[in-house]
Amino acid sequence: MAPLIRVYPHASPFAPPPFDSPLPHFCFSAVAAISDAEIWKNVQTYYGQVLKKSTDLQTNACVTAARPTPRHIREALQNVHEEVISRYYGCGLVIPECLENCWILDLGSGSGRDCYALSQLVGEKGHVSGIDMTESQVEVAKEYIDYHMEKYGFQAPNVTFVHGYLENLGEAGIENESYDIVISNCVINLVPDKEQVLQEVYRVLKHGGELYFSDVYASLDLSEETRTHNILWGECLGGALFWKDLAILAQKIGFCAPRLVHANLITIQNKDLERVVGDCRFVSATFRLFKLPKKEPAERCQVIYNGGITGHENELIFDANFTFKEGDIVEVDEETAAILKNSRFAHSFLIRPTGEWSPSPGSCSTFKAKAVISDPFKFAEESYTTKSPCPPGDAGSCCGTRGC
């Protein structure tokens, strides 16, 4: 069996809480259809007024991939003000690699926990922006800018927070091709127009930039009953995208094919909700989407990881299919080669045409197209049976992916 994330009866933040819950009654309108305006209003009310601290959350359905957190990220999180952490309602962490001097945009930044951790990781020459549609959350984040800059020893703030909607980043003043990385932590599933969000992300990313995000996906197209069910919306399931549609949207907008990083299955422990979703299954998955410049046709290459990326000095787990160990020769497909050549990872790799280097003993020198995994459900089911437990206290040695 694969690891399971359970959704319990009455666990929804948008459904009536249990009788012993300290939360006030809050739910979506029980009508046949939920309008975009109703979704925005209910999400804002819940995160702005109902929740007072992160322990008030009533669901664990939307979680990021269960991968060990590198030491430098753990240390950065320890420097975040306790009030910011207590008011943060995100799930897990969505922090990619190779961040020094980068400009990063956090979609749905809430009270700013991830932004403040990232602002320390990018350094004074980098910058982090957070955008959220809940004004009270944005105000909490802004309140602690001076505190964190003083703690980090930065001469000027390298973090900003704005109020706005993910579907229209331009209204919030976010300009074209202004960010190296955009992150999102289980937020896009709550936005009705996902294509518009991805289009906006593509617009604001620089060429070579990346959207690194975690979200909930469905195994098939959702039924009307599922998409309009108040409890399932609150559990981050009613707005889930059919996982194959992500690749369709990415291609339509101009992104490279989605690259699966990690995934966990979600199960529903409620017979009434199981009846509503029928044969549909759900998964929490992290993907990478790259925006590459339109250049000459790509070709397969051999690459050698130079090491040195903070927290990943000896091994870089790039996605579910590629793990690069320092000094090893790895043959990669055309798109992976193009990504490594044109993204922020370029300085960390030596890249040569296929056949130029002889493989070193024990290195992976042959790319096998059949081995590529893009199905998060298949990955979630298979990775659990192939990985070995992480040694106690060794957070960086076991990744939970096929590259371990």
Protein backbone atom coordinates (compact mmCIF):
# COMPACT_ATOMS: atom_id res chain seq x y z
CA MET A 1 0.00 0.00 0.00
CA ALA A 2 1.06 3.56 -0.66
CA PRO A 3 1.18 6.15 2.14
CA LEU A 4 -2.26 7.63 2.66
CA ILE A 5 -3.45 11.08 3.63
CA ARG A 6 -6.86 10.80 5.20
CA VAL A 7 -9.81 13.15 4.96
CA TYR A 8 -12.00 12.64 8.00
CA PRO A 9 -15.72 13.35 8.37
CA HIS A 10 -16.39 16.97 9.35
CA ALA A 11 -12.73 17.83 8.74
CA SER A 12 -13.54 20.57 6.26
CA PRO A 13 -12.80 24.17 7.22
CA PHE A 14 -15.78 25.16 5.08
CA ALA A 15 -18.21 22.67 6.62
CA PRO A 16 -19.94 22.85 10.04
CA PRO A 17 -17.29 21.87 12.60
CA PRO A 18 -17.86 19.15 15.19
CA PHE A 19 -19.94 20.12 18.20
CA ASP A 20 -16.85 20.30 20.38
CA SER A 21 -14.91 22.46 17.91
CA PRO A 22 -13.88 25.96 19.09
CA LEU A 23 -14.39 27.32 15.56
CA PRO A 24 -17.53 29.29 14.74
CA HIS A 25 -19.95 27.78 12.20
CA PHE A 26 -18.76 28.43 8.63
CA CYS A 27 -19.70 26.74 5.39
CA PHE A 28 -20.14 27.23 1.68
CA SER A 29 -23.60 28.03 0.41
CA ALA A 30 -25.45 24.76 -0.14
CA VAL A 31 -26.66 25.59 -3.63
CA ALA A 32 -26.33 23.59 -6.82
CA ALA A 33 -23.42 25.65 -8.11
CA ILE A 34 -20.72 27.72 -6.45
CA SER A 35 -19.80 30.94 -8.22
CA ASP A 36 -16.28 32.33 -8.40
CA ALA A 37 -17.35 35.25 -6.21
CA GLU A 38 -18.72 32.90 -3.54
CA ILE A 39 -15.49 30.89 -3.52
CA TRP A 40 -13.36 34.01 -3.10
CA LYS A 41 -15.60 35.38 -0.38
CA ASN A 42 -15.70 32.19 1.66
CA VAL A 43 -11.95 31.57 1.41
CA GLN A 44 -11.23 35.16 2.46
CA THR A 45 -13.65 34.98 5.39
CA TYR A 46 -12.30 31.70 6.63
CA TYR A 47 -8.62 32.58 6.46
CA GLY A 48 -9.15 36.18 7.48
CA GLN A 49 -11.70 35.86 10.29
CA VAL A 50 -12.43 32.28 11.35
CA LEU A 51 -8.89 30.97 11.77
CA LYS A 52 -6.90 32.57 14.56
CA LYS A 53 -3.91 30.24 14.54
CA SER A 54 -2.62 27.31 12.50
CA THR A 55 -3.82 24.77 15.07
CA ASP A 56 -7.40 25.78 14.20
CA LEU A 57 -7.10 24.07 10.81
CA GLN A 58 -9.54 21.19 10.50
CA THR A 59 -8.07 19.33 7.49
CA ASN A 60 -4.82 17.68 6.44
CA ALA A 61 -5.90 16.70 2.92
CA CYS A 62 -3.68 19.20 1.13
CA VAL A 63 -0.08 18.47 2.05
CA THR A 64 3.18 18.83 0.24
CA ALA A 65 5.44 15.94 -0.63
CA ALA A 66 6.86 14.20 2.41
CA ARG A 67 10.54 14.81 1.68
CA PRO A 68 13.22 15.54 4.27
CA THR A 69 13.82 19.24 4.89
CA PRO A 70 17.47 20.28 4.38
CA ARG A 71 19.19 21.76 7.40
CA HIS A 72 19.59 25.25 5.91
CA ILE A 73 15.81 25.48 5.38
CA ARG A 74 15.07 24.26 8.90
CA GLU A 75 17.43 26.89 10.27
CA ALA A 76 15.81 29.63 8.16
CA LEU A 77 12.37 28.66 9.45
CA GLN A 78 13.61 28.87 13.03
CA ASN A 79 14.32 32.57 12.48
CA VAL A 80 10.72 33.36 11.48
CA HIS A 81 8.69 35.24 14.10
CA GLU A 82 6.37 32.97 16.11
CA GLU A 83 3.31 35.12 15.35
CA VAL A 84 3.88 34.70 11.62
CA ILE A 85 4.18 30.94 12.05
CA SER A 86 1.08 30.66 14.22
CA ARG A 87 -1.00 32.56 11.64
CA TYR A 88 0.34 30.56 8.69
CA TYR A 89 -2.21 28.11 7.28
CA GLY A 90 -0.23 26.51 4.47
CA CYS A 91 0.67 22.83 4.31
CA GLY A 92 4.27 21.66 4.54
CA LEU A 93 6.97 23.37 2.50
CA VAL A 94 7.38 24.24 -1.17
CA ILE A 95 10.97 25.49 -1.38
CA PRO A 96 13.09 24.50 -4.41
CA GLU A 97 16.87 24.50 -4.75
CA CYS A 98 19.48 27.00 -5.96
CA LEU A 99 17.96 30.18 -4.54
CA GLU A 100 20.84 32.59 -3.98
CA ASN A 101 20.14 36.06 -5.49
CA CYS A 102 16.85 34.89 -7.03
CA TRP A 103 13.63 36.90 -7.29
CA ILE A 104 10.76 34.75 -6.01
CA LEU A 105 6.98 35.22 -6.01
CA ASP A 106 4.84 33.27 -3.53
CA LEU A 107 1.22 32.78 -4.65
CA GLY A 108 -1.09 32.70 -1.63
CA SER A 109 1.61 33.77 0.83
CA GLY A 110 -0.70 34.12 3.85
CA SER A 111 1.07 35.49 6.92
CA GLY A 112 4.43 35.22 5.16
CA ARG A 113 6.14 32.25 6.78
CA ASP A 114 7.63 30.87 3.56
CA CYS A 115 8.45 34.35 2.26
CA TYR A 116 10.50 35.20 5.33
CA ALA A 117 12.37 31.89 5.16
CA LEU A 118 13.02 32.46 1.45
CA SER A 119 14.11 36.07 1.98
CA GLN A 120 16.94 34.78 4.16
CA LEU A 121 17.86 32.09 1.61
CA VAL A 122 17.99 34.42 -1.42
CA GLY A 123 20.14 36.92 0.48
CA GLU A 124 20.28 40.71 0.27
CA LYS A 125 20.71 40.69 -3.51
CA GLY A 126 17.60 38.56 -3.98
CA HIS A 127 13.98 39.50 -3.42
CA VAL A 128 10.78 37.74 -2.33
CA SER A 129 7.23 38.94 -2.99
CA GLY A 130 4.13 37.45 -1.44
CA ILE A 131 0.61 37.93 -2.80
CA ASP A 132 -2.58 36.95 -1.02
CA MET A 133 -6.25 37.84 -1.46
CA THR A 134 -6.90 38.00 2.30
CA GLU A 135 -6.05 41.50 3.49
CA SER A 136 -5.77 40.59 7.17
CA GLN A 137 -3.14 37.97 6.33
CA VAL A 138 -1.18 40.46 4.25
CA GLU A 139 -1.25 42.92 7.16
CA VAL A 140 0.15 40.29 9.54
CA ALA A 141 2.98 39.62 7.08
CA LYS A 142 3.82 43.31 6.63
CA GLU A 143 3.96 43.90 10.37
CA TYR A 144 7.12 41.84 10.78
CA ILE A 145 9.25 43.04 7.86
CA ASP A 146 11.54 45.19 10.03
CA TYR A 147 11.85 42.43 12.63
CA HIS A 148 13.16 39.92 10.10
CA MET A 149 15.45 42.30 8.24
CA GLU A 150 17.11 43.26 11.52
CA LYS A 151 17.41 39.60 12.52
CA TYR A 152 19.02 38.72 9.18
CA GLY A 153 21.33 41.75 9.31
CA PHE A 154 20.05 43.11 5.98
CA GLN A 155 20.49 46.84 5.33
CA ALA A 156 17.26 47.13 3.30
CA PRO A 157 14.12 44.97 3.07
CA ASN A 158 14.24 42.26 0.42
CA VAL A 159 10.64 41.13 0.91
CA THR A 160 7.31 42.75 0.01
CA PHE A 161 3.69 41.72 0.47
CA VAL A 162 0.75 42.76 -1.70
CA HIS A 163 -2.97 42.19 -1.66
CA GLY A 164 -4.31 40.75 -4.88
CA TYR A 165 -5.72 37.86 -6.87
CA LEU A 166 -3.70 35.14 -8.56
CA GLU A 167 -5.78 35.43 -11.72
CA ASN A 168 -4.68 39.03 -12.25
CA LEU A 169 -1.17 39.62 -10.95
CA GLY A 170 -0.90 42.75 -13.09
CA GLU A 171 -3.47 44.56 -10.95
CA ALA A 172 -1.14 43.98 -8.00
CA GLY A 173 1.71 45.63 -9.90
CA ILE A 174 3.62 42.46 -10.81
CA GLU A 175 5.42 43.11 -14.08
CA ASN A 176 6.30 40.93 -17.05
CA GLU A 177 9.35 38.66 -16.76
CA SER A 178 10.26 39.92 -13.30
CA TYR A 179 10.77 36.66 -11.33
CA ASP A 180 13.14 33.72 -11.47
CA ILE A 181 10.84 31.42 -9.48
CA VAL A 182 7.16 31.33 -8.61
CA ILE A 183 6.02 29.01 -5.82
CA SER A 184 2.55 27.94 -4.70
CA ASN A 185 1.52 25.72 -1.83
CA CYS A 186 -1.88 24.06 -2.33
CA VAL A 187 -3.58 27.26 -3.49
CA ILE A 188 -4.26 26.85 -7.21
CA ASN A 189 -6.87 24.15 -6.55
CA LEU A 190 -8.96 26.80 -4.74
CA VAL A 191 -8.89 29.13 -7.76
CA PRO A 192 -11.74 28.58 -10.25
CA ASP A 193 -9.80 29.68 -13.37
CA LYS A 194 -6.60 27.66 -13.20
CA GLU A 195 -5.60 28.36 -16.79
CA GLN A 196 -5.63 32.10 -16.13
CA VAL A 197 -3.42 31.63 -13.06
CA LEU A 198 -0.87 29.62 -15.05
CA GLN A 199 -1.00 32.19 -17.85
CA GLU A 200 -0.22 34.94 -15.36
CA VAL A 201 2.64 32.93 -13.90
CA TYR A 202 4.08 32.43 -17.37
CA ARG A 203 3.86 36.18 -17.98
CA VAL A 204 5.74 37.19 -14.83
CA LEU A 205 8.47 34.53 -15.07
CA LYS A 206 11.76 35.34 -16.73
CA HIS A 207 12.92 33.07 -19.55
CA GLY A 208 14.47 30.08 -17.83
CA GLY A 209 12.20 30.67 -14.83
CA GLU A 210 10.26 28.03 -12.93
CA LEU A 211 6.89 27.47 -11.29
CA TYR A 212 7.52 25.07 -8.39
CA PHE A 213 4.23 24.15 -6.77
CA SER A 214 2.24 21.61 -4.81
CA ASP A 215 -1.45 20.99 -5.41
CA VAL A 216 -4.26 18.42 -5.33
CA TYR A 217 -5.13 16.46 -8.49
CA ALA A 218 -7.93 14.09 -9.48
CA SER A 219 -7.61 10.78 -11.33
CA LEU A 220 -10.38 11.77 -13.76
CA ASP A 221 -12.67 14.67 -14.61
CA LEU A 222 -14.76 15.59 -11.58
CA SER A 223 -18.51 15.14 -11.68
CA GLU A 224 -20.76 18.17 -11.32
CA GLU A 225 -21.82 16.91 -7.89
CA THR A 226 -18.19 16.71 -6.74
CA ARG A 227 -17.28 20.13 -8.15
CA THR A 228 -20.19 21.83 -6.38
CA HIS A 229 -20.09 19.89 -3.09
CA ASN A 230 -19.47 22.28 -0.21
CA ILE A 231 -17.49 19.88 1.98
CA LEU A 232 -15.32 18.62 -0.88
CA TRP A 233 -14.46 22.20 -1.87
CA GLY A 234 -13.39 22.87 1.68
CA GLU A 235 -11.25 19.73 1.68
CA CYS A 236 -9.34 21.02 -1.39
CA LEU A 237 -10.87 18.22 -3.46
CA GLY A 238 -13.82 19.87 -5.22
CA GLY A 239 -11.51 22.22 -7.13
CA ALA A 240 -8.89 19.59 -8.02
CA LEU A 241 -7.66 19.49 -11.61
CA PHE A 242 -7.63 16.23 -13.58
CA TRP A 243 -3.90 15.48 -13.50
CA LYS A 244 -3.57 14.98 -17.26
CA ASP A 245 -5.07 18.42 -17.86
CA LEU A 246 -2.02 20.01 -16.25
CA ALA A 247 0.15 18.91 -19.18
CA ILE A 248 -2.46 20.16 -21.65
CA LEU A 249 -2.61 23.57 -20.00
CA ALA A 250 1.19 23.77 -19.74
CA GLN A 251 1.64 23.08 -23.45
CA LYS A 252 -1.11 25.52 -24.39
CA ILE A 253 0.48 28.33 -22.38
CA GLY A 254 4.07 27.61 -23.43
CA PHE A 255 5.62 25.82 -20.46
CA CYS A 256 7.72 22.69 -20.80
CA ALA A 257 6.01 19.44 -19.88
CA PRO A 258 5.29 19.21 -16.12
CA ARG A 259 8.01 17.43 -14.18
CA LEU A 260 6.73 15.38 -11.25
CA VAL A 261 8.76 15.78 -8.07
CA HIS A 262 6.77 13.81 -5.50
CA ALA A 263 3.24 12.65 -4.70
CA ASN A 264 1.11 11.16 -1.93
CA LEU A 265 -2.34 9.59 -2.20
CA ILE A 266 -5.35 11.09 -0.46
CA THR A 267 -8.15 8.88 0.85
CA ILE A 268 -11.64 9.76 2.06
CA GLN A 269 -12.81 8.12 5.28
CA ASN A 270 -16.46 9.07 4.90
CA LYS A 271 -18.97 6.84 3.10
CA ASP A 272 -21.20 9.74 2.06
CA LEU A 273 -18.29 11.59 0.46
CA GLU A 274 -17.01 8.39 -1.11
CA ARG A 275 -20.38 8.01 -2.80
CA VAL A 276 -20.14 11.53 -4.20
CA VAL A 277 -16.65 11.12 -5.71
CA GLY A 278 -17.37 7.62 -7.00
CA ASP A 279 -14.36 6.08 -8.75
CA CYS A 280 -12.33 9.31 -8.62
CA ARG A 281 -9.14 9.27 -6.58
CA PHE A 282 -7.07 12.21 -5.36
CA VAL A 283 -3.37 12.86 -4.94
CA SER A 284 -1.24 15.63 -3.48
CA ALA A 285 1.64 16.24 -5.89
CA THR A 286 4.53 18.62 -6.43
CA PHE A 287 5.43 19.59 -10.02
CA ARG A 288 7.99 21.83 -11.72
CA LEU A 289 7.06 23.89 -14.79
CA PHE A 290 9.82 25.70 -16.70
CA LYS A 291 9.51 28.63 -19.10
CA LEU A 292 12.30 28.25 -21.65
CA PRO A 293 13.39 30.73 -24.30
CA LYS A 294 12.50 29.80 -27.86
CA LYS A 295 15.93 28.80 -29.17
CA GLU A 296 17.48 26.19 -31.42
CA PRO A 297 16.15 22.59 -31.25
CA ALA A 298 17.36 20.78 -28.14
CA GLU A 299 19.37 17.58 -28.19
CA ARG A 300 20.19 14.85 -25.74
CA CYS A 301 23.25 15.61 -23.66
CA GLN A 302 25.55 14.22 -21.05
CA VAL A 303 25.70 16.26 -17.87
CA ILE A 304 27.85 16.29 -14.77
CA TYR A 305 26.60 17.91 -11.57
CA ASN A 306 29.32 20.12 -10.12
CA GLY A 307 27.80 20.07 -6.65
CA GLY A 308 27.78 23.12 -4.45
CA ILE A 309 24.07 24.01 -4.37
CA THR A 310 23.32 24.91 -0.76
CA GLY A 311 21.77 21.94 1.03
CA HIS A 312 22.37 19.69 -2.00
CA GLU A 313 26.14 19.79 -2.24
CA ASN A 314 26.62 16.10 -3.06
CA GLU A 315 23.32 15.14 -4.66
CA LEU A 316 20.52 17.03 -6.39
CA ILE A 317 17.16 15.26 -6.57
CA PHE A 318 15.77 17.17 -9.52
CA ASP A 319 12.51 15.28 -9.96
CA ALA A 320 11.02 11.78 -9.83
CA ASN A 321 13.18 10.64 -12.75
CA PHE A 322 16.53 12.38 -12.34
CA THR A 323 18.90 12.44 -9.39
CA PHE A 324 22.31 13.99 -10.10
CA LYS A 325 25.23 12.96 -7.92
CA GLU A 326 28.31 15.14 -7.87
CA GLY A 327 30.81 14.06 -10.51
CA ASP A 328 28.64 11.40 -12.15
CA ILE A 329 27.96 11.44 -15.90
CA VAL A 330 24.23 11.29 -16.64
CA GLU A 331 22.62 11.20 -20.07
CA VAL A 332 19.46 13.31 -20.21
CA ASP A 333 16.69 13.79 -22.73
CA GLU A 334 16.33 16.87 -24.94
CA GLU A 335 13.99 18.80 -22.67
CA THR A 336 15.98 18.13 -19.50
CA ALA A 337 19.12 19.29 -21.28
CA ALA A 338 17.37 22.48 -22.40
CA ILE A 339 16.18 23.17 -18.87
CA LEU A 340 19.62 22.70 -17.35
CA LYS A 341 21.21 24.89 -20.03
CA ASN A 342 18.75 27.79 -19.78
CA SER A 343 17.69 27.93 -16.13
CA ARG A 344 19.35 29.03 -12.90
CA PHE A 345 20.86 25.52 -12.68
CA ALA A 346 23.18 26.14 -15.66
CA HIS A 347 26.18 27.17 -13.55
CA SER A 348 25.92 23.95 -11.51
CA PHE A 349 26.38 21.57 -14.46
CA LEU A 350 28.89 20.69 -17.13
CA ILE A 351 26.92 19.91 -20.29
CA ARG A 352 28.29 18.18 -23.37
CA PRO A 353 26.86 16.42 -26.47
CA THR A 354 26.02 12.75 -25.98
CA GLY A 355 29.02 10.46 -26.41
CA GLU A 356 31.71 13.00 -25.61
CA TRP A 357 32.41 11.56 -22.17
CA SER A 358 32.96 7.94 -21.23
CA PRO A 359 30.81 6.92 -18.26
CA SER A 360 32.51 6.45 -14.93
CA PRO A 361 32.04 3.13 -13.09
CA GLY A 362 28.61 2.95 -11.49
CA SER A 363 27.29 6.14 -13.11
CA CYS A 364 23.99 6.39 -14.96
CA SER A 365 24.94 7.04 -18.56
CA THR A 366 21.87 5.94 -20.51
CA PHE A 367 18.55 7.74 -20.67
CA LYS A 368 15.58 5.38 -20.95
CA ALA A 369 12.41 7.09 -22.14
CA LYS A 370 10.24 4.26 -20.82
CA ALA A 371 11.48 4.96 -17.28
CA VAL A 372 10.07 8.50 -17.18
CA ILE A 373 7.24 8.88 -14.67
CA SER A 374 4.70 11.66 -15.02
CA ASP A 375 1.65 10.01 -13.43
CA PRO A 376 1.47 11.13 -9.77
CA PHE A 377 -0.83 8.25 -8.87
CA LYS A 378 1.60 5.67 -10.22
CA PHE A 379 4.48 7.39 -8.48
CA ALA A 380 2.65 7.56 -5.14
CA GLU A 381 1.84 3.86 -5.31
CA GLU A 382 5.27 2.67 -6.48
CA SER A 383 7.62 4.93 -4.56
CA TYR A 384 6.43 3.68 -1.20
CA THR A 385 7.34 0.10 -2.11
CA THR A 386 10.77 0.98 -3.54
CA LYS A 387 12.16 3.42 -1.01
CA SER A 388 13.96 2.45 2.17
CA PRO A 389 13.40 4.13 5.53
CA CYS A 390 15.52 7.18 6.26
CA PRO A 391 18.23 6.63 8.85
CA PRO A 392 17.38 8.50 12.06
CA GLY A 393 18.87 11.97 12.13
CA ASP A 394 19.99 11.83 8.50
CA ALA A 395 17.51 14.16 6.81
CA GLY A 396 19.55 14.62 3.67
CA SER A 397 20.32 11.02 2.75
CA CYS A 398 16.92 9.62 1.84
CA CYS A 399 14.71 11.37 -0.66
CA GLY A 400 11.73 9.09 -1.05
CA THR A 401 12.11 9.06 -4.85
CA ARG A 402 13.48 6.62 -7.38
CA GLY A 403 16.81 8.40 -7.31
CA CYS A 404 17.72 7.36 -3.80
